[in-house]
PDBML (XML) file of the C-alpha atoms, coordinates in Angstrom:
<?xml version="1.0" encoding="UTF-8" ?>
<PDBx:datablock datablockName="MODEL"
   xmlns:PDBx="http://pdbml.pdb.org/schema/pdbx-v50.xsd"
   xmlns:xsi="http://www.w3.org/2001/XMLSchema-instance"
   xsi:schemaLocation="http://pdbml.pdb.org/schema/pdbx-v50.xsd pdbx-v50.xsd">
   <PDBx:atom_siteCategory>
      <PDBx:atom_site id="1">
         <PDBx:B_iso_or_equiv>0.00</PDBx:B_iso_or_equiv>
         <PDBx:Cartn_x>-21.539</PDBx:Cartn_x>
         <PDBx:Cartn_y>-145.077</PDBx:Cartn_y>
         <PDBx:Cartn_z>13.463</PDBx:Cartn_z>
         <PDBx:auth_asym_id>A</PDBx:auth_asym_id>
         <PDBx:auth_atom_id>CA</PDBx:auth_atom_id>
         <PDBx:auth_comp_id>VAL</PDBx:auth_comp_id>
         <PDBx:auth_seq_id>1</PDBx:auth_seq_id>
         <PDBx:group_PDB>ATOM</PDBx:group_PDB>
         <PDBx:label_alt_id xsi:nil="true" />
         <PDBx:label_asym_id>A</PDBx:label_asym_id>
         <PDBx:label_atom_id>CA</PDBx:label_atom_id>
         <PDBx:label_comp_id>VAL</PDBx:label_comp_id>
         <PDBx:label_entity_id>1</PDBx:label_entity_id>
         <PDBx:label_seq_id>1</PDBx:label_seq_id>
         <PDBx:occupancy>1.00</PDBx:occupancy>
         <PDBx:pdbx_PDB_model_num>1</PDBx:pdbx_PDB_model_num>
         <PDBx:type_symbol>C</PDBx:type_symbol>
      </PDBx:atom_site>
      <PDBx:atom_site id="2">
         <PDBx:B_iso_or_equiv>0.00</PDBx:B_iso_or_equiv>
         <PDBx:Cartn_x>-19.738</PDBx:Cartn_x>
         <PDBx:Cartn_y>-148.398</PDBx:Cartn_y>
         <PDBx:Cartn_z>13.697</PDBx:Cartn_z>
         <PDBx:auth_asym_id>A</PDBx:auth_asym_id>
         <PDBx:auth_atom_id>CA</PDBx:auth_atom_id>
         <PDBx:auth_comp_id>GLY</PDBx:auth_comp_id>
         <PDBx:auth_seq_id>2</PDBx:auth_seq_id>
         <PDBx:group_PDB>ATOM</PDBx:group_PDB>
         <PDBx:label_alt_id xsi:nil="true" />
         <PDBx:label_asym_id>A</PDBx:label_asym_id>
         <PDBx:label_atom_id>CA</PDBx:label_atom_id>
         <PDBx:label_comp_id>GLY</PDBx:label_comp_id>
         <PDBx:label_entity_id>1</PDBx:label_entity_id>
         <PDBx:label_seq_id>2</PDBx:label_seq_id>
         <PDBx:occupancy>1.00</PDBx:occupancy>
         <PDBx:pdbx_PDB_model_num>1</PDBx:pdbx_PDB_model_num>
         <PDBx:type_symbol>C</PDBx:type_symbol>
      </PDBx:atom_site>
      <PDBx:atom_site id="3">
         <PDBx:B_iso_or_equiv>0.00</PDBx:B_iso_or_equiv>
         <PDBx:Cartn_x>-19.571</PDBx:Cartn_x>
         <PDBx:Cartn_y>-150.777</PDBx:Cartn_y>
         <PDBx:Cartn_z>10.738</PDBx:Cartn_z>
         <PDBx:auth_asym_id>A</PDBx:auth_asym_id>
         <PDBx:auth_atom_id>CA</PDBx:auth_atom_id>
         <PDBx:auth_comp_id>VAL</PDBx:auth_comp_id>
         <PDBx:auth_seq_id>3</PDBx:auth_seq_id>
         <PDBx:group_PDB>ATOM</PDBx:group_PDB>
         <PDBx:label_alt_id xsi:nil="true" />
         <PDBx:label_asym_id>A</PDBx:label_asym_id>
         <PDBx:label_atom_id>CA</PDBx:label_atom_id>
         <PDBx:label_comp_id>VAL</PDBx:label_comp_id>
         <PDBx:label_entity_id>1</PDBx:label_entity_id>
         <PDBx:label_seq_id>3</PDBx:label_seq_id>
         <PDBx:occupancy>1.00</PDBx:occupancy>
         <PDBx:pdbx_PDB_model_num>1</PDBx:pdbx_PDB_model_num>
         <PDBx:type_symbol>C</PDBx:type_symbol>
      </PDBx:atom_site>
      <PDBx:atom_site id="4">
         <PDBx:B_iso_or_equiv>0.00</PDBx:B_iso_or_equiv>
         <PDBx:Cartn_x>-19.570</PDBx:Cartn_x>
         <PDBx:Cartn_y>-154.549</PDBx:Cartn_y>
         <PDBx:Cartn_z>10.310</PDBx:Cartn_z>
         <PDBx:auth_asym_id>A</PDBx:auth_asym_id>
         <PDBx:auth_atom_id>CA</PDBx:auth_atom_id>
         <PDBx:auth_comp_id>VAL</PDBx:auth_comp_id>
         <PDBx:auth_seq_id>4</PDBx:auth_seq_id>
         <PDBx:group_PDB>ATOM</PDBx:group_PDB>
         <PDBx:label_alt_id xsi:nil="true" />
         <PDBx:label_asym_id>A</PDBx:label_asym_id>
         <PDBx:label_atom_id>CA</PDBx:label_atom_id>
         <PDBx:label_comp_id>VAL</PDBx:label_comp_id>
         <PDBx:label_entity_id>1</PDBx:label_entity_id>
         <PDBx:label_seq_id>4</PDBx:label_seq_id>
         <PDBx:occupancy>1.00</PDBx:occupancy>
         <PDBx:pdbx_PDB_model_num>1</PDBx:pdbx_PDB_model_num>
         <PDBx:type_symbol>C</PDBx:type_symbol>
      </PDBx:atom_site>
      <PDBx:atom_site id="5">
         <PDBx:B_iso_or_equiv>0.00</PDBx:B_iso_or_equiv>
         <PDBx:Cartn_x>-18.927</PDBx:Cartn_x>
         <PDBx:Cartn_y>-155.592</PDBx:Cartn_y>
         <PDBx:Cartn_z>6.710</PDBx:Cartn_z>
         <PDBx:auth_asym_id>A</PDBx:auth_asym_id>
         <PDBx:auth_atom_id>CA</PDBx:auth_atom_id>
         <PDBx:auth_comp_id>ASP</PDBx:auth_comp_id>
         <PDBx:auth_seq_id>5</PDBx:auth_seq_id>
         <PDBx:group_PDB>ATOM</PDBx:group_PDB>
         <PDBx:label_alt_id xsi:nil="true" />
         <PDBx:label_asym_id>A</PDBx:label_asym_id>
         <PDBx:label_atom_id>CA</PDBx:label_atom_id>
         <PDBx:label_comp_id>ASP</PDBx:label_comp_id>
         <PDBx:label_entity_id>1</PDBx:label_entity_id>
         <PDBx:label_seq_id>5</PDBx:label_seq_id>
         <PDBx:occupancy>1.00</PDBx:occupancy>
         <PDBx:pdbx_PDB_model_num>1</PDBx:pdbx_PDB_model_num>
         <PDBx:type_symbol>C</PDBx:type_symbol>
      </PDBx:atom_site>
      <PDBx:atom_site id="6">
         <PDBx:B_iso_or_equiv>0.00</PDBx:B_iso_or_equiv>
         <PDBx:Cartn_x>-19.436</PDBx:Cartn_x>
         <PDBx:Cartn_y>-159.255</PDBx:Cartn_y>
         <PDBx:Cartn_z>5.812</PDBx:Cartn_z>
         <PDBx:auth_asym_id>A</PDBx:auth_asym_id>
         <PDBx:auth_atom_id>CA</PDBx:auth_atom_id>
         <PDBx:auth_comp_id>LEU</PDBx:auth_comp_id>
         <PDBx:auth_seq_id>6</PDBx:auth_seq_id>
         <PDBx:group_PDB>ATOM</PDBx:group_PDB>
         <PDBx:label_alt_id xsi:nil="true" />
         <PDBx:label_asym_id>A</PDBx:label_asym_id>
         <PDBx:label_atom_id>CA</PDBx:label_atom_id>
         <PDBx:label_comp_id>LEU</PDBx:label_comp_id>
         <PDBx:label_entity_id>1</PDBx:label_entity_id>
         <PDBx:label_seq_id>6</PDBx:label_seq_id>
         <PDBx:occupancy>1.00</PDBx:occupancy>
         <PDBx:pdbx_PDB_model_num>1</PDBx:pdbx_PDB_model_num>
         <PDBx:type_symbol>C</PDBx:type_symbol>
      </PDBx:atom_site>
      <PDBx:atom_site id="7">
         <PDBx:B_iso_or_equiv>0.00</PDBx:B_iso_or_equiv>
         <PDBx:Cartn_x>-17.707</PDBx:Cartn_x>
         <PDBx:Cartn_y>-160.060</PDBx:Cartn_y>
         <PDBx:Cartn_z>2.550</PDBx:Cartn_z>
         <PDBx:auth_asym_id>A</PDBx:auth_asym_id>
         <PDBx:auth_atom_id>CA</PDBx:auth_atom_id>
         <PDBx:auth_comp_id>GLY</PDBx:auth_comp_id>
         <PDBx:auth_seq_id>7</PDBx:auth_seq_id>
         <PDBx:group_PDB>ATOM</PDBx:group_PDB>
         <PDBx:label_alt_id xsi:nil="true" />
         <PDBx:label_asym_id>A</PDBx:label_asym_id>
         <PDBx:label_atom_id>CA</PDBx:label_atom_id>
         <PDBx:label_comp_id>GLY</PDBx:label_comp_id>
         <PDBx:label_entity_id>1</PDBx:label_entity_id>
         <PDBx:label_seq_id>7</PDBx:label_seq_id>
         <PDBx:occupancy>1.00</PDBx:occupancy>
         <PDBx:pdbx_PDB_model_num>1</PDBx:pdbx_PDB_model_num>
         <PDBx:type_symbol>C</PDBx:type_symbol>
      </PDBx:atom_site>
      <PDBx:atom_site id="8">
         <PDBx:B_iso_or_equiv>0.00</PDBx:B_iso_or_equiv>
         <PDBx:Cartn_x>-17.082</PDBx:Cartn_x>
         <PDBx:Cartn_y>-163.402</PDBx:Cartn_y>
         <PDBx:Cartn_z>0.911</PDBx:Cartn_z>
         <PDBx:auth_asym_id>A</PDBx:auth_asym_id>
         <PDBx:auth_atom_id>CA</PDBx:auth_atom_id>
         <PDBx:auth_comp_id>GLY</PDBx:auth_comp_id>
         <PDBx:auth_seq_id>8</PDBx:auth_seq_id>
         <PDBx:group_PDB>ATOM</PDBx:group_PDB>
         <PDBx:label_alt_id xsi:nil="true" />
         <PDBx:label_asym_id>A</PDBx:label_asym_id>
         <PDBx:label_atom_id>CA</PDBx:label_atom_id>
         <PDBx:label_comp_id>GLY</PDBx:label_comp_id>
         <PDBx:label_entity_id>1</PDBx:label_entity_id>
         <PDBx:label_seq_id>8</PDBx:label_seq_id>
         <PDBx:occupancy>1.00</PDBx:occupancy>
         <PDBx:pdbx_PDB_model_num>1</PDBx:pdbx_PDB_model_num>
         <PDBx:type_symbol>C</PDBx:type_symbol>
      </PDBx:atom_site>
      <PDBx:atom_site id="9">
         <PDBx:B_iso_or_equiv>0.00</PDBx:B_iso_or_equiv>
         <PDBx:Cartn_x>-13.650</PDBx:Cartn_x>
         <PDBx:Cartn_y>-164.137</PDBx:Cartn_y>
         <PDBx:Cartn_z>2.353</PDBx:Cartn_z>
         <PDBx:auth_asym_id>A</PDBx:auth_asym_id>
         <PDBx:auth_atom_id>CA</PDBx:auth_atom_id>
         <PDBx:auth_comp_id>GLY</PDBx:auth_comp_id>
         <PDBx:auth_seq_id>9</PDBx:auth_seq_id>
         <PDBx:group_PDB>ATOM</PDBx:group_PDB>
         <PDBx:label_alt_id xsi:nil="true" />
         <PDBx:label_asym_id>A</PDBx:label_asym_id>
         <PDBx:label_atom_id>CA</PDBx:label_atom_id>
         <PDBx:label_comp_id>GLY</PDBx:label_comp_id>
         <PDBx:label_entity_id>1</PDBx:label_entity_id>
         <PDBx:label_seq_id>9</PDBx:label_seq_id>
         <PDBx:occupancy>1.00</PDBx:occupancy>
         <PDBx:pdbx_PDB_model_num>1</PDBx:pdbx_PDB_model_num>
         <PDBx:type_symbol>C</PDBx:type_symbol>
      </PDBx:atom_site>
      <PDBx:atom_site id="10">
         <PDBx:B_iso_or_equiv>0.00</PDBx:B_iso_or_equiv>
         <PDBx:Cartn_x>-13.448</PDBx:Cartn_x>
         <PDBx:Cartn_y>-161.944</PDBx:Cartn_y>
         <PDBx:Cartn_z>5.454</PDBx:Cartn_z>
         <PDBx:auth_asym_id>A</PDBx:auth_asym_id>
         <PDBx:auth_atom_id>CA</PDBx:auth_atom_id>
         <PDBx:auth_comp_id>SER</PDBx:auth_comp_id>
         <PDBx:auth_seq_id>10</PDBx:auth_seq_id>
         <PDBx:group_PDB>ATOM</PDBx:group_PDB>
         <PDBx:label_alt_id xsi:nil="true" />
         <PDBx:label_asym_id>A</PDBx:label_asym_id>
         <PDBx:label_atom_id>CA</PDBx:label_atom_id>
         <PDBx:label_comp_id>SER</PDBx:label_comp_id>
         <PDBx:label_entity_id>1</PDBx:label_entity_id>
         <PDBx:label_seq_id>10</PDBx:label_seq_id>
         <PDBx:occupancy>1.00</PDBx:occupancy>
         <PDBx:pdbx_PDB_model_num>1</PDBx:pdbx_PDB_model_num>
         <PDBx:type_symbol>C</PDBx:type_symbol>
      </PDBx:atom_site>
      <PDBx:atom_site id="11">
         <PDBx:B_iso_or_equiv>0.00</PDBx:B_iso_or_equiv>
         <PDBx:Cartn_x>-15.508</PDBx:Cartn_x>
         <PDBx:Cartn_y>-159.901</PDBx:Cartn_y>
         <PDBx:Cartn_z>7.873</PDBx:Cartn_z>
         <PDBx:auth_asym_id>A</PDBx:auth_asym_id>
         <PDBx:auth_atom_id>CA</PDBx:auth_atom_id>
         <PDBx:auth_comp_id>VAL</PDBx:auth_comp_id>
         <PDBx:auth_seq_id>11</PDBx:auth_seq_id>
         <PDBx:group_PDB>ATOM</PDBx:group_PDB>
         <PDBx:label_alt_id xsi:nil="true" />
         <PDBx:label_asym_id>A</PDBx:label_asym_id>
         <PDBx:label_atom_id>CA</PDBx:label_atom_id>
         <PDBx:label_comp_id>VAL</PDBx:label_comp_id>
         <PDBx:label_entity_id>1</PDBx:label_entity_id>
         <PDBx:label_seq_id>11</PDBx:label_seq_id>
         <PDBx:occupancy>1.00</PDBx:occupancy>
         <PDBx:pdbx_PDB_model_num>1</PDBx:pdbx_PDB_model_num>
         <PDBx:type_symbol>C</PDBx:type_symbol>
      </PDBx:atom_site>
      <PDBx:atom_site id="12">
         <PDBx:B_iso_or_equiv>0.00</PDBx:B_iso_or_equiv>
         <PDBx:Cartn_x>-14.445</PDBx:Cartn_x>
         <PDBx:Cartn_y>-156.484</PDBx:Cartn_y>
         <PDBx:Cartn_z>9.171</PDBx:Cartn_z>
         <PDBx:auth_asym_id>A</PDBx:auth_asym_id>
         <PDBx:auth_atom_id>CA</PDBx:auth_atom_id>
         <PDBx:auth_comp_id>GLN</PDBx:auth_comp_id>
         <PDBx:auth_seq_id>12</PDBx:auth_seq_id>
         <PDBx:group_PDB>ATOM</PDBx:group_PDB>
         <PDBx:label_alt_id xsi:nil="true" />
         <PDBx:label_asym_id>A</PDBx:label_asym_id>
         <PDBx:label_atom_id>CA</PDBx:label_atom_id>
         <PDBx:label_comp_id>GLN</PDBx:label_comp_id>
         <PDBx:label_entity_id>1</PDBx:label_entity_id>
         <PDBx:label_seq_id>12</PDBx:label_seq_id>
         <PDBx:occupancy>1.00</PDBx:occupancy>
         <PDBx:pdbx_PDB_model_num>1</PDBx:pdbx_PDB_model_num>
         <PDBx:type_symbol>C</PDBx:type_symbol>
      </PDBx:atom_site>
      <PDBx:atom_site id="13">
         <PDBx:B_iso_or_equiv>0.00</PDBx:B_iso_or_equiv>
         <PDBx:Cartn_x>-15.480</PDBx:Cartn_x>
         <PDBx:Cartn_y>-154.508</PDBx:Cartn_y>
         <PDBx:Cartn_z>12.213</PDBx:Cartn_z>
         <PDBx:auth_asym_id>A</PDBx:auth_asym_id>
         <PDBx:auth_atom_id>CA</PDBx:auth_atom_id>
         <PDBx:auth_comp_id>MET</PDBx:auth_comp_id>
         <PDBx:auth_seq_id>13</PDBx:auth_seq_id>
         <PDBx:group_PDB>ATOM</PDBx:group_PDB>
         <PDBx:label_alt_id xsi:nil="true" />
         <PDBx:label_asym_id>A</PDBx:label_asym_id>
         <PDBx:label_atom_id>CA</PDBx:label_atom_id>
         <PDBx:label_comp_id>MET</PDBx:label_comp_id>
         <PDBx:label_entity_id>1</PDBx:label_entity_id>
         <PDBx:label_seq_id>13</PDBx:label_seq_id>
         <PDBx:occupancy>1.00</PDBx:occupancy>
         <PDBx:pdbx_PDB_model_num>1</PDBx:pdbx_PDB_model_num>
         <PDBx:type_symbol>C</PDBx:type_symbol>
      </PDBx:atom_site>
      <PDBx:atom_site id="14">
         <PDBx:B_iso_or_equiv>0.00</PDBx:B_iso_or_equiv>
         <PDBx:Cartn_x>-14.592</PDBx:Cartn_x>
         <PDBx:Cartn_y>-150.811</PDBx:Cartn_y>
         <PDBx:Cartn_z>12.473</PDBx:Cartn_z>
         <PDBx:auth_asym_id>A</PDBx:auth_asym_id>
         <PDBx:auth_atom_id>CA</PDBx:auth_atom_id>
         <PDBx:auth_comp_id>ALA</PDBx:auth_comp_id>
         <PDBx:auth_seq_id>14</PDBx:auth_seq_id>
         <PDBx:group_PDB>ATOM</PDBx:group_PDB>
         <PDBx:label_alt_id xsi:nil="true" />
         <PDBx:label_asym_id>A</PDBx:label_asym_id>
         <PDBx:label_atom_id>CA</PDBx:label_atom_id>
         <PDBx:label_comp_id>ALA</PDBx:label_comp_id>
         <PDBx:label_entity_id>1</PDBx:label_entity_id>
         <PDBx:label_seq_id>14</PDBx:label_seq_id>
         <PDBx:occupancy>1.00</PDBx:occupancy>
         <PDBx:pdbx_PDB_model_num>1</PDBx:pdbx_PDB_model_num>
         <PDBx:type_symbol>C</PDBx:type_symbol>
      </PDBx:atom_site>
      <PDBx:atom_site id="15">
         <PDBx:B_iso_or_equiv>0.00</PDBx:B_iso_or_equiv>
         <PDBx:Cartn_x>-15.677</PDBx:Cartn_x>
         <PDBx:Cartn_y>-148.052</PDBx:Cartn_y>
         <PDBx:Cartn_z>14.802</PDBx:Cartn_z>
         <PDBx:auth_asym_id>A</PDBx:auth_asym_id>
         <PDBx:auth_atom_id>CA</PDBx:auth_atom_id>
         <PDBx:auth_comp_id>TYR</PDBx:auth_comp_id>
         <PDBx:auth_seq_id>15</PDBx:auth_seq_id>
         <PDBx:group_PDB>ATOM</PDBx:group_PDB>
         <PDBx:label_alt_id xsi:nil="true" />
         <PDBx:label_asym_id>A</PDBx:label_asym_id>
         <PDBx:label_atom_id>CA</PDBx:label_atom_id>
         <PDBx:label_comp_id>TYR</PDBx:label_comp_id>
         <PDBx:label_entity_id>1</PDBx:label_entity_id>
         <PDBx:label_seq_id>15</PDBx:label_seq_id>
         <PDBx:occupancy>1.00</PDBx:occupancy>
         <PDBx:pdbx_PDB_model_num>1</PDBx:pdbx_PDB_model_num>
         <PDBx:type_symbol>C</PDBx:type_symbol>
      </PDBx:atom_site>
      <PDBx:atom_site id="16">
         <PDBx:B_iso_or_equiv>0.00</PDBx:B_iso_or_equiv>
         <PDBx:Cartn_x>-14.248</PDBx:Cartn_x>
         <PDBx:Cartn_y>-144.871</PDBx:Cartn_y>
         <PDBx:Cartn_z>16.297</PDBx:Cartn_z>
         <PDBx:auth_asym_id>A</PDBx:auth_asym_id>
         <PDBx:auth_atom_id>CA</PDBx:auth_atom_id>
         <PDBx:auth_comp_id>ALA</PDBx:auth_comp_id>
         <PDBx:auth_seq_id>16</PDBx:auth_seq_id>
         <PDBx:group_PDB>ATOM</PDBx:group_PDB>
         <PDBx:label_alt_id xsi:nil="true" />
         <PDBx:label_asym_id>A</PDBx:label_asym_id>
         <PDBx:label_atom_id>CA</PDBx:label_atom_id>
         <PDBx:label_comp_id>ALA</PDBx:label_comp_id>
         <PDBx:label_entity_id>1</PDBx:label_entity_id>
         <PDBx:label_seq_id>16</PDBx:label_seq_id>
         <PDBx:occupancy>1.00</PDBx:occupancy>
         <PDBx:pdbx_PDB_model_num>1</PDBx:pdbx_PDB_model_num>
         <PDBx:type_symbol>C</PDBx:type_symbol>
      </PDBx:atom_site>
      <PDBx:atom_site id="17">
         <PDBx:B_iso_or_equiv>0.00</PDBx:B_iso_or_equiv>
         <PDBx:Cartn_x>-12.978</PDBx:Cartn_x>
         <PDBx:Cartn_y>-145.038</PDBx:Cartn_y>
         <PDBx:Cartn_z>19.864</PDBx:Cartn_z>
         <PDBx:auth_asym_id>A</PDBx:auth_asym_id>
         <PDBx:auth_atom_id>CA</PDBx:auth_atom_id>
         <PDBx:auth_comp_id>ILE</PDBx:auth_comp_id>
         <PDBx:auth_seq_id>17</PDBx:auth_seq_id>
         <PDBx:group_PDB>ATOM</PDBx:group_PDB>
         <PDBx:label_alt_id xsi:nil="true" />
         <PDBx:label_asym_id>A</PDBx:label_asym_id>
         <PDBx:label_atom_id>CA</PDBx:label_atom_id>
         <PDBx:label_comp_id>ILE</PDBx:label_comp_id>
         <PDBx:label_entity_id>1</PDBx:label_entity_id>
         <PDBx:label_seq_id>17</PDBx:label_seq_id>
         <PDBx:occupancy>1.00</PDBx:occupancy>
         <PDBx:pdbx_PDB_model_num>1</PDBx:pdbx_PDB_model_num>
         <PDBx:type_symbol>C</PDBx:type_symbol>
      </PDBx:atom_site>
      <PDBx:atom_site id="18">
         <PDBx:B_iso_or_equiv>0.00</PDBx:B_iso_or_equiv>
         <PDBx:Cartn_x>-11.752</PDBx:Cartn_x>
         <PDBx:Cartn_y>-142.459</PDBx:Cartn_y>
         <PDBx:Cartn_z>22.339</PDBx:Cartn_z>
         <PDBx:auth_asym_id>A</PDBx:auth_asym_id>
         <PDBx:auth_atom_id>CA</PDBx:auth_atom_id>
         <PDBx:auth_comp_id>SER</PDBx:auth_comp_id>
         <PDBx:auth_seq_id>18</PDBx:auth_seq_id>
         <PDBx:group_PDB>ATOM</PDBx:group_PDB>
         <PDBx:label_alt_id xsi:nil="true" />
         <PDBx:label_asym_id>A</PDBx:label_asym_id>
         <PDBx:label_atom_id>CA</PDBx:label_atom_id>
         <PDBx:label_comp_id>SER</PDBx:label_comp_id>
         <PDBx:label_entity_id>1</PDBx:label_entity_id>
         <PDBx:label_seq_id>18</PDBx:label_seq_id>
         <PDBx:occupancy>1.00</PDBx:occupancy>
         <PDBx:pdbx_PDB_model_num>1</PDBx:pdbx_PDB_model_num>
         <PDBx:type_symbol>C</PDBx:type_symbol>
      </PDBx:atom_site>
      <PDBx:atom_site id="19">
         <PDBx:B_iso_or_equiv>0.00</PDBx:B_iso_or_equiv>
         <PDBx:Cartn_x>-8.120</PDBx:Cartn_x>
         <PDBx:Cartn_y>-141.448</PDBx:Cartn_y>
         <PDBx:Cartn_z>22.518</PDBx:Cartn_z>
         <PDBx:auth_asym_id>A</PDBx:auth_asym_id>
         <PDBx:auth_atom_id>CA</PDBx:auth_atom_id>
         <PDBx:auth_comp_id>LYS</PDBx:auth_comp_id>
         <PDBx:auth_seq_id>19</PDBx:auth_seq_id>
         <PDBx:group_PDB>ATOM</PDBx:group_PDB>
         <PDBx:label_alt_id xsi:nil="true" />
         <PDBx:label_asym_id>A</PDBx:label_asym_id>
         <PDBx:label_atom_id>CA</PDBx:label_atom_id>
         <PDBx:label_comp_id>LYS</PDBx:label_comp_id>
         <PDBx:label_entity_id>1</PDBx:label_entity_id>
         <PDBx:label_seq_id>19</PDBx:label_seq_id>
         <PDBx:occupancy>1.00</PDBx:occupancy>
         <PDBx:pdbx_PDB_model_num>1</PDBx:pdbx_PDB_model_num>
         <PDBx:type_symbol>C</PDBx:type_symbol>
      </PDBx:atom_site>
      <PDBx:atom_site id="20">
         <PDBx:B_iso_or_equiv>0.00</PDBx:B_iso_or_equiv>
         <PDBx:Cartn_x>-7.936</PDBx:Cartn_x>
         <PDBx:Cartn_y>-143.024</PDBx:Cartn_y>
         <PDBx:Cartn_z>25.982</PDBx:Cartn_z>
         <PDBx:auth_asym_id>A</PDBx:auth_asym_id>
         <PDBx:auth_atom_id>CA</PDBx:auth_atom_id>
         <PDBx:auth_comp_id>ALA</PDBx:auth_comp_id>
         <PDBx:auth_seq_id>20</PDBx:auth_seq_id>
         <PDBx:group_PDB>ATOM</PDBx:group_PDB>
         <PDBx:label_alt_id xsi:nil="true" />
         <PDBx:label_asym_id>A</PDBx:label_asym_id>
         <PDBx:label_atom_id>CA</PDBx:label_atom_id>
         <PDBx:label_comp_id>ALA</PDBx:label_comp_id>
         <PDBx:label_entity_id>1</PDBx:label_entity_id>
         <PDBx:label_seq_id>20</PDBx:label_seq_id>
         <PDBx:occupancy>1.00</PDBx:occupancy>
         <PDBx:pdbx_PDB_model_num>1</PDBx:pdbx_PDB_model_num>
         <PDBx:type_symbol>C</PDBx:type_symbol>
      </PDBx:atom_site>
      <PDBx:atom_site id="21">
         <PDBx:B_iso_or_equiv>0.00</PDBx:B_iso_or_equiv>
         <PDBx:Cartn_x>-9.205</PDBx:Cartn_x>
         <PDBx:Cartn_y>-146.393</PDBx:Cartn_y>
         <PDBx:Cartn_z>24.696</PDBx:Cartn_z>
         <PDBx:auth_asym_id>A</PDBx:auth_asym_id>
         <PDBx:auth_atom_id>CA</PDBx:auth_atom_id>
         <PDBx:auth_comp_id>ASP</PDBx:auth_comp_id>
         <PDBx:auth_seq_id>21</PDBx:auth_seq_id>
         <PDBx:group_PDB>ATOM</PDBx:group_PDB>
         <PDBx:label_alt_id xsi:nil="true" />
         <PDBx:label_asym_id>A</PDBx:label_asym_id>
         <PDBx:label_atom_id>CA</PDBx:label_atom_id>
         <PDBx:label_comp_id>ASP</PDBx:label_comp_id>
         <PDBx:label_entity_id>1</PDBx:label_entity_id>
         <PDBx:label_seq_id>21</PDBx:label_seq_id>
         <PDBx:occupancy>1.00</PDBx:occupancy>
         <PDBx:pdbx_PDB_model_num>1</PDBx:pdbx_PDB_model_num>
         <PDBx:type_symbol>C</PDBx:type_symbol>
      </PDBx:atom_site>
      <PDBx:atom_site id="22">
         <PDBx:B_iso_or_equiv>0.00</PDBx:B_iso_or_equiv>
         <PDBx:Cartn_x>-6.841</PDBx:Cartn_x>
         <PDBx:Cartn_y>-146.197</PDBx:Cartn_y>
         <PDBx:Cartn_z>21.730</PDBx:Cartn_z>
         <PDBx:auth_asym_id>A</PDBx:auth_asym_id>
         <PDBx:auth_atom_id>CA</PDBx:auth_atom_id>
         <PDBx:auth_comp_id>ALA</PDBx:auth_comp_id>
         <PDBx:auth_seq_id>22</PDBx:auth_seq_id>
         <PDBx:group_PDB>ATOM</PDBx:group_PDB>
         <PDBx:label_alt_id xsi:nil="true" />
         <PDBx:label_asym_id>A</PDBx:label_asym_id>
         <PDBx:label_atom_id>CA</PDBx:label_atom_id>
         <PDBx:label_comp_id>ALA</PDBx:label_comp_id>
         <PDBx:label_entity_id>1</PDBx:label_entity_id>
         <PDBx:label_seq_id>22</PDBx:label_seq_id>
         <PDBx:occupancy>1.00</PDBx:occupancy>
         <PDBx:pdbx_PDB_model_num>1</PDBx:pdbx_PDB_model_num>
         <PDBx:type_symbol>C</PDBx:type_symbol>
      </PDBx:atom_site>
      <PDBx:atom_site id="23">
         <PDBx:B_iso_or_equiv>0.00</PDBx:B_iso_or_equiv>
         <PDBx:Cartn_x>-3.934</PDBx:Cartn_x>
         <PDBx:Cartn_y>-145.907</PDBx:Cartn_y>
         <PDBx:Cartn_z>24.171</PDBx:Cartn_z>
         <PDBx:auth_asym_id>A</PDBx:auth_asym_id>
         <PDBx:auth_atom_id>CA</PDBx:auth_atom_id>
         <PDBx:auth_comp_id>ALA</PDBx:auth_comp_id>
         <PDBx:auth_seq_id>23</PDBx:auth_seq_id>
         <PDBx:group_PDB>ATOM</PDBx:group_PDB>
         <PDBx:label_alt_id xsi:nil="true" />
         <PDBx:label_asym_id>A</PDBx:label_asym_id>
         <PDBx:label_atom_id>CA</PDBx:label_atom_id>
         <PDBx:label_comp_id>ALA</PDBx:label_comp_id>
         <PDBx:label_entity_id>1</PDBx:label_entity_id>
         <PDBx:label_seq_id>23</PDBx:label_seq_id>
         <PDBx:occupancy>1.00</PDBx:occupancy>
         <PDBx:pdbx_PDB_model_num>1</PDBx:pdbx_PDB_model_num>
         <PDBx:type_symbol>C</PDBx:type_symbol>
      </PDBx:atom_site>
      <PDBx:atom_site id="24">
         <PDBx:B_iso_or_equiv>0.00</PDBx:B_iso_or_equiv>
         <PDBx:Cartn_x>-4.991</PDBx:Cartn_x>
         <PDBx:Cartn_y>-149.235</PDBx:Cartn_y>
         <PDBx:Cartn_z>25.710</PDBx:Cartn_z>
         <PDBx:auth_asym_id>A</PDBx:auth_asym_id>
         <PDBx:auth_atom_id>CA</PDBx:auth_atom_id>
         <PDBx:auth_comp_id>LYS</PDBx:auth_comp_id>
         <PDBx:auth_seq_id>24</PDBx:auth_seq_id>
         <PDBx:group_PDB>ATOM</PDBx:group_PDB>
         <PDBx:label_alt_id xsi:nil="true" />
         <PDBx:label_asym_id>A</PDBx:label_asym_id>
         <PDBx:label_atom_id>CA</PDBx:label_atom_id>
         <PDBx:label_comp_id>LYS</PDBx:label_comp_id>
         <PDBx:label_entity_id>1</PDBx:label_entity_id>
         <PDBx:label_seq_id>24</PDBx:label_seq_id>
         <PDBx:occupancy>1.00</PDBx:occupancy>
         <PDBx:pdbx_PDB_model_num>1</PDBx:pdbx_PDB_model_num>
         <PDBx:type_symbol>C</PDBx:type_symbol>
      </PDBx:atom_site>
   </PDBx:atom_siteCategory>
</PDBx:datablock>
């Protein structure tokens, strides 16, 4: 699953992508 974490000072988005997309 992907994650969006809204803290007080910053917001993070993280999710796994394919190796092909990572190369881009």
